[in-house]
Every structure is written in structure tokens, then in C-alpha cells.
Amino acid sequence: MEIKVFWTQTALNDLEDIFEYYKMNASLKVARKLVKEIVKATILMQHSPRIGKIEELLTERKI
């Protein structure tokens, strides 16, 4: 089962903020690696949407 993952403008802005923070406080290499891993995780979720821990506050919500 696959799902579509949509990046909202807020999420893209947050990703850019994360990149800038780590670029300034760690290094460009660390910032790039972190953002790359975040993007890879969203791709993994797209192909395996049931991966990960079940959030108890969302158990009553229909998918």
C-alpha cells in the first residue's frame, strides 16, 4: 500500500529553518545530511505508511 506525501509550505519552511540552523551551529555537511535523512524518511513513509510507533492520541482516527 502506498500513500501520497504532500509537503506543505509550512513544512518546507521548517525544513529550510532546520537546514539553516544546523548550517550555522554545526556545519554545512551536517545540515545537508540531516535534511537528506528527513526527506528519505518521508519517502519511506510513502511506501510503508504503517511503519513506526502507533500514536495513542490518534488511535480513534480513521486512515
N, C-alpha and C. Protein backbone atom coordinates (compact mmCIF):
# COMPACT_ATOMS: atom_id res chain seq x y z
N MET A 1 0.84 -1.18 0.00
CA MET A 1 0.00 0.00 0.00
C MET A 1 0.88 1.23 0.00
N GLU A 2 0.60 2.14 -0.91
CA GLU A 2 1.33 3.39 -0.97
C GLU A 2 0.38 4.55 -0.68
N ILE A 3 0.92 5.59 -0.14
CA ILE A 3 0.17 6.83 0.07
C ILE A 3 0.95 7.97 -0.57
N LYS A 4 0.30 9.08 -0.78
CA LYS A 4 0.99 10.26 -1.29
C LYS A 4 1.37 11.13 -0.10
N VAL A 5 2.57 11.61 -0.13
CA VAL A 5 3.05 12.52 0.91
C VAL A 5 3.14 13.90 0.28
N PHE A 6 2.47 14.85 0.89
CA PHE A 6 2.49 16.22 0.40
C PHE A 6 3.29 17.10 1.37
N TRP A 7 4.18 17.89 0.83
CA TRP A 7 4.94 18.85 1.62
C TRP A 7 4.19 20.17 1.59
N THR A 8 3.70 20.60 2.73
CA THR A 8 3.05 21.90 2.81
C THR A 8 4.12 22.99 2.79
N GLN A 9 3.69 24.19 2.53
CA GLN A 9 4.64 25.30 2.55
C GLN A 9 5.23 25.48 3.95
N THR A 10 4.43 25.26 4.98
CA THR A 10 4.92 25.34 6.35
C THR A 10 6.02 24.31 6.59
N ALA A 11 5.79 23.08 6.12
CA ALA A 11 6.78 22.02 6.30
C ALA A 11 8.07 22.36 5.55
N LEU A 12 7.95 22.89 4.34
CA LEU A 12 9.14 23.27 3.57
C LEU A 12 9.90 24.41 4.26
N ASN A 13 9.15 25.36 4.82
CA ASN A 13 9.79 26.46 5.55
C ASN A 13 10.51 25.93 6.79
N ASP A 14 9.87 25.00 7.49
CA ASP A 14 10.50 24.40 8.67
C ASP A 14 11.76 23.63 8.29
N LEU A 15 11.71 22.90 7.17
CA LEU A 15 12.88 22.16 6.70
C LEU A 15 14.02 23.12 6.37
N GLU A 16 13.69 24.22 5.76
CA GLU A 16 14.71 25.23 5.46
C GLU A 16 15.29 25.82 6.74
N ASP A 17 14.43 26.07 7.73
CA ASP A 17 14.90 26.58 9.03
C ASP A 17 15.83 25.58 9.71
N ILE A 18 15.49 24.31 9.64
CA ILE A 18 16.34 23.26 10.21
C ILE A 18 17.70 23.27 9.52
N PHE A 19 17.66 23.36 8.19
CA PHE A 19 18.91 23.39 7.43
C PHE A 19 19.77 24.58 7.85
N GLU A 20 19.17 25.76 7.89
CA GLU A 20 19.93 26.96 8.25
C GLU A 20 20.49 26.88 9.67
N TYR A 21 19.70 26.37 10.59
CA TYR A 21 20.15 26.25 11.97
C TYR A 21 21.39 25.36 12.06
N TYR A 22 21.31 24.19 11.45
CA TYR A 22 22.44 23.26 11.55
C TYR A 22 23.63 23.72 10.73
N LYS A 23 23.39 24.45 9.66
CA LYS A 23 24.50 25.01 8.88
C LYS A 23 25.28 26.02 9.73
N MET A 24 24.54 26.82 10.49
CA MET A 24 25.19 27.85 11.31
C MET A 24 25.78 27.28 12.61
N ASN A 25 25.14 26.27 13.21
CA ASN A 25 25.56 25.79 14.52
C ASN A 25 26.35 24.49 14.49
N ALA A 26 26.38 23.82 13.36
CA ALA A 26 27.18 22.59 13.24
C ALA A 26 28.08 22.74 12.02
N SER A 27 27.58 22.37 10.87
CA SER A 27 28.33 22.55 9.63
C SER A 27 27.40 22.34 8.45
N LEU A 28 27.86 22.76 7.28
CA LEU A 28 27.10 22.56 6.07
C LEU A 28 26.88 21.07 5.82
N LYS A 29 27.91 20.28 6.07
CA LYS A 29 27.81 18.84 5.86
C LYS A 29 26.73 18.22 6.75
N VAL A 30 26.70 18.60 8.01
CA VAL A 30 25.71 18.09 8.96
C VAL A 30 24.31 18.52 8.52
N ALA A 31 24.15 19.78 8.12
CA ALA A 31 22.86 20.30 7.70
C ALA A 31 22.33 19.52 6.49
N ARG A 32 23.20 19.31 5.51
CA ARG A 32 22.79 18.57 4.31
C ARG A 32 22.39 17.14 4.66
N LYS A 33 23.18 16.49 5.50
CA LYS A 33 22.90 15.11 5.86
C LYS A 33 21.57 15.00 6.61
N LEU A 34 21.32 15.89 7.54
CA LEU A 34 20.09 15.86 8.32
C LEU A 34 18.86 16.06 7.43
N VAL A 35 18.90 17.04 6.55
CA VAL A 35 17.77 17.30 5.66
C VAL A 35 17.57 16.11 4.71
N LYS A 36 18.65 15.55 4.23
CA LYS A 36 18.57 14.38 3.36
C LYS A 36 17.88 13.21 4.08
N GLU A 37 18.21 12.99 5.34
CA GLU A 37 17.60 11.91 6.12
C GLU A 37 16.12 12.16 6.38
N ILE A 38 15.74 13.42 6.59
CA ILE A 38 14.33 13.75 6.78
C ILE A 38 13.54 13.45 5.51
N VAL A 39 14.09 13.84 4.37
CA VAL A 39 13.43 13.58 3.09
C VAL A 39 13.34 12.08 2.84
N LYS A 40 14.41 11.34 3.13
CA LYS A 40 14.40 9.89 2.96
C LYS A 40 13.32 9.25 3.83
N ALA A 41 13.12 9.76 5.03
CA ALA A 41 12.10 9.21 5.94
C ALA A 41 10.70 9.42 5.37
N THR A 42 10.47 10.55 4.71
CA THR A 42 9.15 10.78 4.12
C THR A 42 8.91 9.84 2.93
N ILE A 43 9.96 9.55 2.19
CA ILE A 43 9.84 8.59 1.08
C ILE A 43 9.55 7.20 1.63
N LEU A 44 10.20 6.84 2.70
CA LEU A 44 9.95 5.54 3.34
C LEU A 44 8.51 5.45 3.83
N MET A 45 8.01 6.52 4.42
CA MET A 45 6.62 6.55 4.88
C MET A 45 5.65 6.42 3.72
N GLN A 46 6.01 6.99 2.59
CA GLN A 46 5.15 6.91 1.41
C GLN A 46 4.97 5.46 0.97
N HIS A 47 6.03 4.68 1.04
CA HIS A 47 5.98 3.30 0.59
C HIS A 47 5.53 2.33 1.70
N SER A 48 5.71 2.71 2.94
CA SER A 48 5.33 1.86 4.08
C SER A 48 4.61 2.72 5.12
N PRO A 49 3.37 3.10 4.85
CA PRO A 49 2.67 4.06 5.72
C PRO A 49 2.40 3.57 7.13
N ARG A 50 2.47 2.28 7.37
CA ARG A 50 2.19 1.76 8.71
C ARG A 50 3.46 1.54 9.54
N ILE A 51 4.56 2.02 9.04
CA ILE A 51 5.83 1.85 9.74
C ILE A 51 5.86 2.80 10.95
N GLY A 52 6.50 2.39 11.99
CA GLY A 52 6.67 3.26 13.14
C GLY A 52 5.72 2.96 14.28
N LYS A 53 5.85 3.74 15.31
CA LYS A 53 5.06 3.59 16.53
C LYS A 53 3.66 4.15 16.35
N ILE A 54 2.70 3.50 16.96
CA ILE A 54 1.32 3.99 16.92
C ILE A 54 1.15 5.09 17.97
N GLU A 55 0.66 6.23 17.53
CA GLU A 55 0.42 7.35 18.43
C GLU A 55 -0.92 7.12 19.12
N GLU A 56 -0.89 6.99 20.43
CA GLU A 56 -2.09 6.66 21.21
C GLU A 56 -3.19 7.71 21.05
N LEU A 57 -2.84 8.97 20.91
CA LEU A 57 -3.85 10.01 20.78
C LEU A 57 -4.58 9.96 19.43
N LEU A 58 -4.04 9.19 18.47
CA LEU A 58 -4.65 9.11 17.15
C LEU A 58 -5.28 7.75 16.86
N THR A 59 -5.37 6.87 17.85
CA THR A 59 -5.87 5.52 17.62
C THR A 59 -7.34 5.49 17.17
N GLU A 60 -8.13 6.47 17.55
CA GLU A 60 -9.54 6.51 17.18
C GLU A 60 -9.75 7.11 15.79
N ARG A 61 -8.71 7.68 15.22
CA ARG A 61 -8.82 8.35 13.92
C ARG A 61 -8.78 7.33 12.79
N LYS A 62 -9.65 7.49 11.81
CA LYS A 62 -9.66 6.61 10.64
C LYS A 62 -8.61 7.08 9.65
N ILE A 63 -7.99 6.13 8.97
CA ILE A 63 -6.96 6.47 7.98
C ILE A 63 -7.61 6.79 6.66
